[in-house]
PDB file of N, CA and C in Angstrom:
ATOM      1  N   MET A   1     128.248  39.191 108.371  1.00  0.00           N
ATOM      2  CA  MET A   1     128.870  39.819 109.518  1.00  0.00           C
ATOM      3  C   MET A   1     128.680  41.331 109.490  1.00  0.00           C
ATOM      4  N   ASN A   2     128.798  41.942 108.343  1.00  0.00           N
ATOM      5  CA  ASN A   2     128.641  43.375 108.202  1.00  0.00           C
ATOM      6  C   ASN A   2     127.224  43.805 108.579  1.00  0.00           C
ATOM      7  N   GLU A   3     126.231  42.996 108.195  1.00  0.00           N
ATOM      8  CA  GLU A   3     124.840  43.329 108.501  1.00  0.00           C
ATOM      9  C   GLU A   3     124.591  43.300 110.005  1.00  0.00           C
ATOM     10  N   SER A   4     125.163  42.358 110.732  1.00  0.00           N
ATOM     11  CA  SER A   4     124.971  42.289 112.177  1.00  0.00           C
ATOM     12  C   SER A   4     125.609  43.485 112.877  1.00  0.00           C
ATOM     13  N   LYS A   5     126.720  43.980 112.342  1.00  0.00           N
ATOM     14  CA  LYS A   5     127.347  45.176 112.913  1.00  0.00           C
ATOM     15  C   LYS A   5     126.442  46.394 112.710  1.00  0.00           C
ATOM     16  N   GLN A   6     125.815  46.472 111.541  1.00  0.00           N
ATOM     17  CA  GLN A   6     124.907  47.581 111.269  1.00  0.00           C
ATOM     18  C   GLN A   6     123.696  47.526 112.192  1.00  0.00           C
ATOM     19  N   ILE A   7     123.161  46.322 112.399  1.00  0.00           N
ATOM     20  CA  ILE A   7     122.008  46.159 113.288  1.00  0.00           C
ATOM     21  C   ILE A   7     122.393  46.559 114.711  1.00  0.00           C
ATOM     22  N   ALA A   8     123.555  46.126 115.162  1.00  0.00           N
ATOM     23  CA  ALA A   8     124.019  46.466 116.507  1.00  0.00           C
ATOM     24  C   ALA A   8     124.203  47.978 116.643  1.00  0.00           C
ATOM     25  N   LYS A   9     124.733  48.596 115.613  1.00  0.00           N
ATOM     26  CA  LYS A   9     124.946  50.042 115.632  1.00  0.00           C
ATOM     27  C   LYS A   9     123.608  50.782 115.695  1.00  0.00           C
ATOM     28  N   ARG A  10     122.618  50.314 114.913  1.00  0.00           N
ATOM     29  CA  ARG A  10     121.292  50.943 114.946  1.00  0.00           C
ATOM     30  C   ARG A  10     120.639  50.766 116.310  1.00  0.00           C
ATOM     31  N   LEU A  11     120.767  49.589 116.907  1.00  0.00           N
ATOM     32  CA  LEU A  11     120.189  49.336 118.221  1.00  0.00           C
ATOM     33  C   LEU A  11     120.821  50.244 119.271  1.00  0.00           C
ATOM     34  N   LYS A  12     122.128  50.390 119.210  1.00  0.00           N
ATOM     35  CA  LYS A  12     122.818  51.270 120.152  1.00  0.00           C
ATOM     36  C   LYS A  12     122.311  52.701 120.001  1.00  0.00           C
ATOM     37  N   LYS A  13     122.130  53.143 118.772  1.00  0.00           N
ATOM     38  CA  LYS A  13     121.645  54.495 118.520  1.00  0.00           C
ATOM     39  C   LYS A  13     120.244  54.687 119.095  1.00  0.00           C
ATOM     40  N   VAL A  14     119.363  53.699 118.908  1.00  0.00           N
ATOM     41  CA  VAL A  14     118.003  53.784 119.436  1.00  0.00           C
ATOM     42  C   VAL A  14     118.022  53.851 120.964  1.00  0.00           C
ATOM     43  N   LEU A  15     118.833  53.004 121.587  1.00  0.00           N
ATOM     44  CA  LEU A  15     118.911  53.001 123.049  1.00  0.00           C
ATOM     45  C   LEU A  15     119.458  54.311 123.589  1.00  0.00           C
ATOM     46  N   LEU A  16     120.449  54.867 122.920  1.00  0.00           N
ATOM     47  CA  LEU A  16     121.006  56.145 123.356  1.00  0.00           C
ATOM     48  C   LEU A  16     119.989  57.265 123.193  1.00  0.00           C
ATOM     49  N   GLN A  17     119.210  57.228 122.122  1.00  0.00           N
ATOM     50  CA  GLN A  17     118.180  58.245 121.922  1.00  0.00           C
ATOM     51  C   GLN A  17     117.125  58.171 123.020  1.00  0.00           C
ATOM     52  N   ASP A  18     116.738  56.968 123.423  1.00  0.00           N
ATOM     53  CA  ASP A  18     115.775  56.804 124.503  1.00  0.00           C
ATOM     54  C   ASP A  18     116.304  57.434 125.786  1.00  0.00           C
ATOM     55  N   LYS A  19     117.585  57.244 126.064  1.00  0.00           N
ATOM     56  CA  LYS A  19     118.172  57.848 127.255  1.00  0.00           C
ATOM     57  C   LYS A  19     118.141  59.367 127.167  1.00  0.00           C
ATOM     58  N   ILE A  20     118.416  59.891 125.993  1.00  0.00           N
ATOM     59  CA  ILE A  20     118.432  61.348 125.816  1.00  0.00           C
ATOM     60  C   ILE A  20     117.058  61.922 126.116  1.00  0.00           C
ATOM     61  N   TYR A  21     116.010  61.311 125.591  1.00  0.00           N
ATOM     62  CA  TYR A  21     114.666  61.827 125.835  1.00  0.00           C
ATOM     63  C   TYR A  21     114.292  61.716 127.306  1.00  0.00           C
ATOM     64  N   ALA A  22     114.747  60.696 127.993  1.00  0.00           N
ATOM     65  CA  ALA A  22     114.460  60.535 129.418  1.00  0.00           C
ATOM     66  C   ALA A  22     115.115  61.658 130.216  1.00  0.00           C
ATOM     67  N   TYR A  23     116.248  62.142 129.762  1.00  0.00           N
ATOM     68  CA  TYR A  23     116.965  63.170 130.495  1.00  0.00           C
ATOM     69  C   TYR A  23     116.505  64.584 130.146  1.00  0.00           C
ATOM     70  N   GLU A  24     115.610  64.729 129.177  1.00  0.00           N
ATOM     71  CA  GLU A  24     115.068  66.059 128.898  1.00  0.00           C
ATOM     72  C   GLU A  24     114.294  66.578 130.101  1.00  0.00           C
ATOM     73  N   GLY A  25     113.507  65.703 130.734  1.00  0.00           N
ATOM     74  CA  GLY A  25     112.773  66.099 131.934  1.00  0.00           C
ATOM     75  C   GLY A  25     113.720  66.457 133.063  1.00  0.00           C
ATOM     76  N   LEU A  26     114.792  65.695 133.193  1.00  0.00           N
ATOM     77  CA  LEU A  26     115.792  65.975 134.222  1.00  0.00           C
ATOM     78  C   LEU A  26     116.436  67.329 133.977  1.00  0.00           C
ATOM     79  N   SER A  27     116.762  67.635 132.733  1.00  0.00           N
ATOM     80  CA  SER A  27     117.423  68.911 132.446  1.00  0.00           C
ATOM     81  C   SER A  27     116.495  70.084 132.757  1.00  0.00           C
ATOM     82  N   LYS A  28     115.199  69.939 132.516  1.00  0.00           N
ATOM     83  CA  LYS A  28     114.244  71.011 132.842  1.00  0.00           C
ATOM     84  C   LYS A  28     114.174  71.220 134.355  1.00  0.00           C
ATOM     85  N   ALA A  29     114.167  70.131 135.120  1.00  0.00           N
ATOM     86  CA  ALA A  29     114.143  70.247 136.582  1.00  0.00           C
ATOM     87  C   ALA A  29     115.423  70.912 137.086  1.00  0.00           C
ATOM     88  N   LEU A  30     116.569  70.527 136.519  1.00  0.00           N
ATOM     89  CA  LEU A  30     117.837  71.125 136.922  1.00  0.00           C
ATOM     90  C   LEU A  30     117.889  72.615 136.607  1.00  0.00           C
ATOM     91  N   GLU A  31     117.296  73.012 135.499  1.00  0.00           N
ATOM     92  CA  GLU A  31     117.298  74.423 135.125  1.00  0.00           C
ATOM     93  C   GLU A  31     116.650  75.268 136.214  1.00  0.00           C
ATOM     94  N   GLY A  32     115.499  74.816 136.712  1.00  0.00           N
ATOM     95  CA  GLY A  32     114.821  75.555 137.772  1.00  0.00           C
ATOM     96  C   GLY A  32     115.631  75.585 139.059  1.00  0.00           C
ATOM     97  N   ASP A  33     116.187  74.447 139.441  1.00  0.00           N
ATOM     98  CA  ASP A  33     116.981  74.374 140.669  1.00  0.00           C
ATOM     99  C   ASP A  33     118.249  75.222 140.566  1.00  0.00           C
ATOM    100  N   LEU A  34     118.911  75.171 139.417  1.00  0.00           N
ATOM    101  CA  LEU A  34     120.139  75.953 139.244  1.00  0.00           C
ATOM    102  C   LEU A  34     119.852  77.448 139.200  1.00  0.00           C
ATOM    103  N   ARG A  35     118.715  77.830 138.612  1.00  0.00           N
ATOM    104  CA  ARG A  35     118.336  79.245 138.602  1.00  0.00           C
ATOM    105  C   ARG A  35     118.207  79.746 140.044  1.00  0.00           C
ATOM    106  N   THR A  36     117.535  78.954 140.877  1.00  0.00           N
ATOM    107  CA  THR A  36     117.373  79.335 142.277  1.00  0.00           C
ATOM    108  C   THR A  36     118.725  79.424 142.982  1.00  0.00           C
ATOM    109  N   LEU A  37     119.552  78.414 142.812  1.00  0.00           N
ATOM    110  CA  LEU A  37     120.865  78.390 143.449  1.00  0.00           C
ATOM    111  C   LEU A  37     121.738  79.554 143.001  1.00  0.00           C
ATOM    112  N   LEU A  38     121.830  79.756 141.693  1.00  0.00           N
ATOM    113  CA  LEU A  38     122.681  80.827 141.170  1.00  0.00           C
ATOM    114  C   LEU A  38     122.185  82.208 141.573  1.00  0.00           C
ATOM    115  N   SER A  39     120.877  82.361 141.739  1.00  0.00           N
ATOM    116  CA  SER A  39     120.333  83.671 142.105  1.00  0.00           C
ATOM    117  C   SER A  39     120.734  84.080 143.519  1.00  0.00           C
ATOM    118  N   TYR A  40     121.191  83.126 144.352  1.00  0.00           N
ATOM    119  CA  TYR A  40     121.711  83.470 145.672  1.00  0.00           C
ATOM    120  C   TYR A  40     123.063  84.188 145.557  1.00  0.00           C
ATOM    121  N   TYR A  41     123.762  84.005 144.454  1.00  0.00           N
ATOM    122  CA  TYR A  41     125.105  84.548 144.291  1.00  0.00           C
ATOM    123  C   TYR A  41     125.215  85.622 143.216  1.00  0.00           C
ATOM    124  N   MET A  42     124.222  85.718 142.341  1.00  0.00           N
ATOM    125  CA  MET A  42     124.313  86.672 141.238  1.00  0.00           C
ATOM    126  C   MET A  42     122.924  87.017 140.723  1.00  0.00           C
ATOM    127  N   ASN A  43     122.862  88.094 139.951  1.00  0.00           N
ATOM    128  CA  ASN A  43     121.608  88.512 139.329  1.00  0.00           C
ATOM    129  C   ASN A  43     121.532  87.870 137.948  1.00  0.00           C
ATOM    130  N   ILE A  44     120.714  86.834 137.823  1.00  0.00           N
ATOM    131  CA  ILE A  44     120.604  86.082 136.567  1.00  0.00           C
ATOM    132  C   ILE A  44     119.800  86.891 135.556  1.00  0.00           C
ATOM    133  N   VAL A  45     120.312  86.956 134.339  1.00  0.00           N
ATOM    134  CA  VAL A  45     119.637  87.636 133.233  1.00  0.00           C
ATOM    135  C   VAL A  45     119.284  86.574 132.195  1.00  0.00           C
ATOM    136  N   GLY A  46     118.029  86.423 131.887  1.00  0.00           N
ATOM    137  CA  GLY A  46     117.621  85.438 130.884  1.00  0.00           C
ATOM    138  C   GLY A  46     117.459  84.055 131.484  1.00  0.00           C
ATOM    139  N   ASP A  47     117.515  83.078 130.617  1.00  0.00           N
ATOM    140  CA  ASP A  47     117.274  81.699 131.010  1.00  0.00           C
ATOM    141  C   ASP A  47     118.553  81.007 131.478  1.00  0.00           C
ATOM    142  N   VAL A  48     118.360  80.008 132.319  1.00  0.00           N
ATOM    143  CA  VAL A  48     119.425  79.074 132.672  1.00  0.00           C
ATOM    144  C   VAL A  48     119.143  77.822 131.859  1.00  0.00           C
ATOM    145  N   SER A  49     120.126  77.343 131.125  1.00  0.00           N
ATOM    146  CA  SER A  49     119.888  76.147 130.316  1.00  0.00           C
ATOM    147  C   SER A  49     120.846  75.029 130.723  1.00  0.00           C
ATOM    148  N   VAL A  50     120.316  73.818 130.688  1.00  0.00           N
ATOM    149  CA  VAL A  50     121.093  72.628 131.018  1.00  0.00           C
ATOM    150  C   VAL A  50     120.956  71.664 129.855  1.00  0.00           C
ATOM    151  N   ASN A  51     122.059  71.170 129.370  1.00  0.00           N
ATOM    152  CA  ASN A  51     122.063  70.198 128.286  1.00  0.00           C
ATOM    153  C   ASN A  51     122.857  68.977 128.745  1.00  0.00           C
ATOM    154  N   ILE A  52     122.223  67.813 128.684  1.00  0.00           N
ATOM    155  CA  ILE A  52     122.877  66.577 129.087  1.00  0.00           C
ATOM    156  C   ILE A  52     123.126  65.745 127.838  1.00  0.00           C
ATOM    157  N   ASP A  53     124.381  65.473 127.561  1.00  0.00           N
ATOM    158  CA  ASP A  53     124.764  64.655 126.413  1.00  0.00           C
ATOM    159  C   ASP A  53     125.309  63.324 126.899  1.00  0.00           C
ATOM    160  N   ILE A  54     125.054  62.280 126.138  1.00  0.00           N
ATOM    161  CA  ILE A  54     125.618  60.971 126.434  1.00  0.00           C
ATOM    162  C   ILE A  54     126.758  60.744 125.452  1.00  0.00           C
ATOM    163  N   LEU A  55     127.941  60.561 125.984  1.00  0.00           N
ATOM    164  CA  LEU A  55     129.115  60.354 125.148  1.00  0.00           C
ATOM    165  C   LEU A  55     129.165  58.907 124.657  1.00  0.00           C
ATOM    166  N   ASP A  56     129.936  58.673 123.629  1.00  0.00           N
ATOM    167  CA  ASP A  56     130.075  57.313 123.089  1.00  0.00           C
ATOM    168  C   ASP A  56     130.583  56.332 124.141  1.00  0.00           C
ATOM    169  N   SER A  57     131.322  56.848 125.119  1.00  0.00           N
ATOM    170  CA  SER A  57     131.861  55.986 126.179  1.00  0.00           C
ATOM    171  C   SER A  57     130.805  55.616 127.209  1.00  0.00           C
ATOM    172  N   GLY A  58     129.599  56.233 127.105  1.00  0.00           N
ATOM    173  CA  GLY A  58     128.530  55.962 128.062  1.00  0.00           C
ATOM    174  C   GLY A  58     128.485  56.953 129.210  1.00  0.00           C
ATOM    175  N   GLU A  59     129.449  57.859 129.268  1.00  0.00           N
ATOM    176  CA  GLU A  59     129.459  58.882 130.307  1.00  0.00           C
ATOM    177  C   GLU A  59     128.517  60.018 129.917  1.00  0.00           C
ATOM    178  N   TYR A  60     128.124  60.795 130.912  1.00  0.00           N
ATOM    179  CA  TYR A  60     127.244  61.930 130.676  1.00  0.00           C
ATOM    180  C   TYR A  60     128.047  63.217 130.757  1.00  0.00           C
ATOM    181  N   GLN A  61     127.766  64.122 129.835  1.00  0.00           N
ATOM    182  CA  GLN A  61     128.385  65.443 129.861  1.00  0.00           C
ATOM    183  C   GLN A  61     127.269  66.439 130.121  1.00  0.00           C
ATOM    184  N   VAL A  62     127.386  67.197 131.207  1.00  0.00           N
ATOM    185  CA  VAL A  62     126.365  68.167 131.592  1.00  0.00           C
ATOM    186  C   VAL A  62     126.918  69.560 131.339  1.00  0.00           C
ATOM    187  N   ASN A  63     126.216  70.312 130.499  1.00  0.00           N
ATOM    188  CA  ASN A  63     126.609  71.677 130.178  1.00  0.00           C
ATOM    189  C   ASN A  63     125.555  72.626 130.730  1.00  0.00           C
ATOM    190  N   VAL A  64     126.011  73.611 131.520  1.00  0.00           N
ATOM    191  CA  VAL A  64     125.119  74.597 132.113  1.00  0.00           C
ATOM    192  C   VAL A  64     125.486  75.961 131.541  1.00  0.00           C
ATOM    193  N   SER A  65     124.466  76.704 131.135  1.00  0.00           N
ATOM    194  CA  SER A  65     124.694  78.037 130.582  1.00  0.00           C
ATOM    195  C   SER A  65     123.774  79.028 131.287  1.00  0.00           C
ATOM    196  N   ALA A  66     124.363  80.111 131.776  1.00  0.00           N
ATOM    197  CA  ALA A  66     123.592  81.167 132.435  1.00  0.00           C
ATOM    198  C   ALA A  66     124.332  82.481 132.254  1.00  0.00           C
ATOM    199  N   LYS A  67     123.577  83.569 132.217  1.00  0.00           N
ATOM    200  CA  LYS A  67     124.171  84.903 132.133  1.00  0.00           C
ATOM    201  C   LYS A  67     123.755  85.685 133.368  1.00  0.00           C
ATOM    202  N   ALA A  68     124.704  86.462 133.875  1.00  0.00           N
ATOM    203  CA  ALA A  68     124.438  87.305 135.037  1.00  0.00           C
ATOM    204  C   ALA A  68     125.022  88.687 134.784  1.00  0.00           C
ATOM    205  N   ASN A  69     124.381  89.699 135.354  1.00  0.00           N
ATOM    206  CA  ASN A  69     124.923  91.048 135.175  1.00  0.00           C
ATOM    207  C   ASN A  69     125.519  91.606 136.473  1.00  0.00           C
ATOM    208  N   ASN A  70     125.470  90.813 137.551  1.00  0.00           N
ATOM    209  CA  ASN A  70     126.047  91.263 138.807  1.00  0.00           C
ATOM    210  C   ASN A  70     126.294  90.062 139.710  1.00  0.00           C
ATOM    211  N   ILE A  71     127.451  90.036 140.349  1.00  0.00           N
ATOM    212  CA  ILE A  71     127.766  89.007 141.333  1.00  0.00           C
ATOM    213  C   ILE A  71     127.758  89.680 142.700  1.00  0.00           C
ATOM    214  N   SER A  72     127.112  89.022 143.665  1.00  0.00           N
ATOM    215  CA  SER A  72     126.990  89.633 144.981  1.00  0.00           C
ATOM    216  C   SER A  72     127.320  88.608 146.069  1.00  0.00           C
ATOM    217  N   ALA A  73     127.341  89.101 147.304  1.00  0.00           N
ATOM    218  CA  ALA A  73     127.564  88.224 148.439  1.00  0.00           C
ATOM    219  C   ALA A  73     126.390  87.248 148.535  1.00  0.00           C
ATOM    220  N   PRO A  74     126.644  86.019 148.976  1.00  0.00           N
ATOM    221  CA  PRO A  74     125.548  85.050 149.090  1.00  0.00           C
ATOM    222  C   PRO A  74     124.439  85.532 150.005  1.00  0.00           C
ATOM    223  N   GLN A  75     123.213  85.274 149.599  1.00  0.00           N
ATOM    224  CA  GLN A  75     122.046  85.619 150.420  1.00  0.00           C
ATOM    225  C   GLN A  75     121.685  84.407 151.262  1.00  0.00           C
ATOM    226  N   VAL A  76     121.792  84.535 152.537  1.00  0.00           N
ATOM    227  CA  VAL A  76     121.483  83.430 153.439  1.00  0.00           C
ATOM    228  C   VAL A  76     120.037  83.553 153.877  1.00  0.00           C
ATOM    229  N   ILE A  77     119.326  82.441 153.753  1.00  0.00           N
ATOM    230  CA  ILE A  77     117.901  82.451 154.115  1.00  0.00           C
ATOM    231  C   ILE A  77     117.733  81.879 155.506  1.00  0.00           C
TER     232      ILE A  77
END
Protein backbone atom coordinates (compact mmCIF):
# COMPACT_ATOMS: atom_id res chain seq x y z
CA MET A 1 0.00 0.00 0.00
CA ASN A 2 2.82 2.41 0.83
CA GLU A 3 4.44 1.81 -2.57
CA SER A 4 1.23 2.66 -4.45
CA LYS A 5 0.96 5.94 -2.52
CA GLN A 6 4.53 6.79 -3.52
CA ILE A 7 3.79 5.98 -7.17
CA ALA A 8 0.65 8.12 -7.08
CA LYS A 9 2.59 10.97 -5.49
CA ARG A 10 5.32 10.75 -8.17
CA LEU A 11 2.72 10.70 -10.95
CA LYS A 12 1.00 13.76 -9.51
CA LYS A 13 4.34 15.56 -9.36
CA VAL A 14 5.12 14.70 -13.00
CA LEU A 15 1.69 15.89 -14.17
CA LEU A 16 2.00 19.14 -12.23
CA GLN A 17 5.45 19.76 -13.70
CA ASP A 18 4.07 19.28 -17.21
CA LYS A 19 1.43 21.91 -16.49
CA ILE A 20 4.07 24.31 -15.18
CA TYR A 21 6.14 24.04 -18.36
CA ALA A 22 3.03 24.56 -20.50
CA TYR A 23 2.33 27.81 -18.67
CA GLU A 24 5.84 29.20 -19.18
CA GLY A 25 4.80 30.24 -22.69
CA LEU A 26 1.62 31.76 -21.31
CA SER A 27 3.55 33.76 -18.72
CA LYS A 28 5.86 35.18 -21.43
CA ALA A 29 2.85 36.25 -23.51
CA LEU A 30 1.23 37.85 -20.46
CA GLU A 31 4.41 39.76 -19.67
CA GLY A 32 4.29 41.52 -23.03
CA ASP A 33 0.57 42.26 -22.80
CA LEU A 34 0.82 43.54 -19.22
CA ARG A 35 3.79 45.75 -20.11
CA THR A 36 1.67 47.37 -22.81
CA LEU A 37 -1.35 47.75 -20.53
CA LEU A 38 0.60 49.12 -17.57
CA SER A 39 2.49 51.58 -19.78
CA TYR A 40 -0.84 53.33 -20.46
CA TYR A 41 -0.98 54.24 -16.75
CA MET A 42 2.65 54.50 -15.65
CA ASN A 43 6.25 54.69 -16.79
CA ILE A 44 7.52 51.11 -16.46
CA VAL A 45 11.16 50.71 -15.42
CA GLY A 46 12.75 47.34 -16.14
CA ASP A 47 10.98 44.11 -16.86
CA VAL A 48 7.43 43.02 -16.14
CA SER A 49 7.45 39.47 -14.82
CA VAL A 50 4.61 36.98 -14.50
CA ASN A 51 4.89 33.78 -12.50
CA ILE A 52 2.13 31.18 -12.57
CA ASP A 53 2.17 28.61 -9.78
CA ILE A 54 -0.08 25.60 -9.42
CA LEU A 55 -1.18 25.11 -5.84
CA ASP A 56 -1.68 21.70 -4.26
CA SER A 57 -5.43 22.33 -4.46
CA GLY A 58 -5.16 22.58 -8.26
CA GLU A 59 -5.78 26.32 -8.34
CA TYR A 60 -3.45 28.72 -10.12
CA GLN A 61 -1.69 31.58 -8.39
CA VAL A 62 -0.59 34.37 -10.74
CA ASN A 63 2.04 36.79 -9.46
CA VAL A 64 2.83 39.94 -11.44
CA SER A 65 5.83 42.11 -10.68
CA ALA A 66 6.59 45.48 -12.27
CA LYS A 67 8.37 48.68 -11.26
CA ALA A 68 7.35 52.16 -12.29
CA ASN A 69 8.86 55.55 -11.58
CA ASN A 70 5.81 57.65 -12.47
CA ILE A 71 2.04 57.20 -12.53
CA SER A 72 0.11 59.31 -15.01
CA ALA A 73 -3.35 59.82 -16.44
CA PRO A 74 -4.40 57.01 -18.80
CA GLN A 75 -3.35 57.48 -22.41
CA VAL A 76 -6.33 56.90 -24.66
CA ILE A 77 -5.54 55.71 -28.15
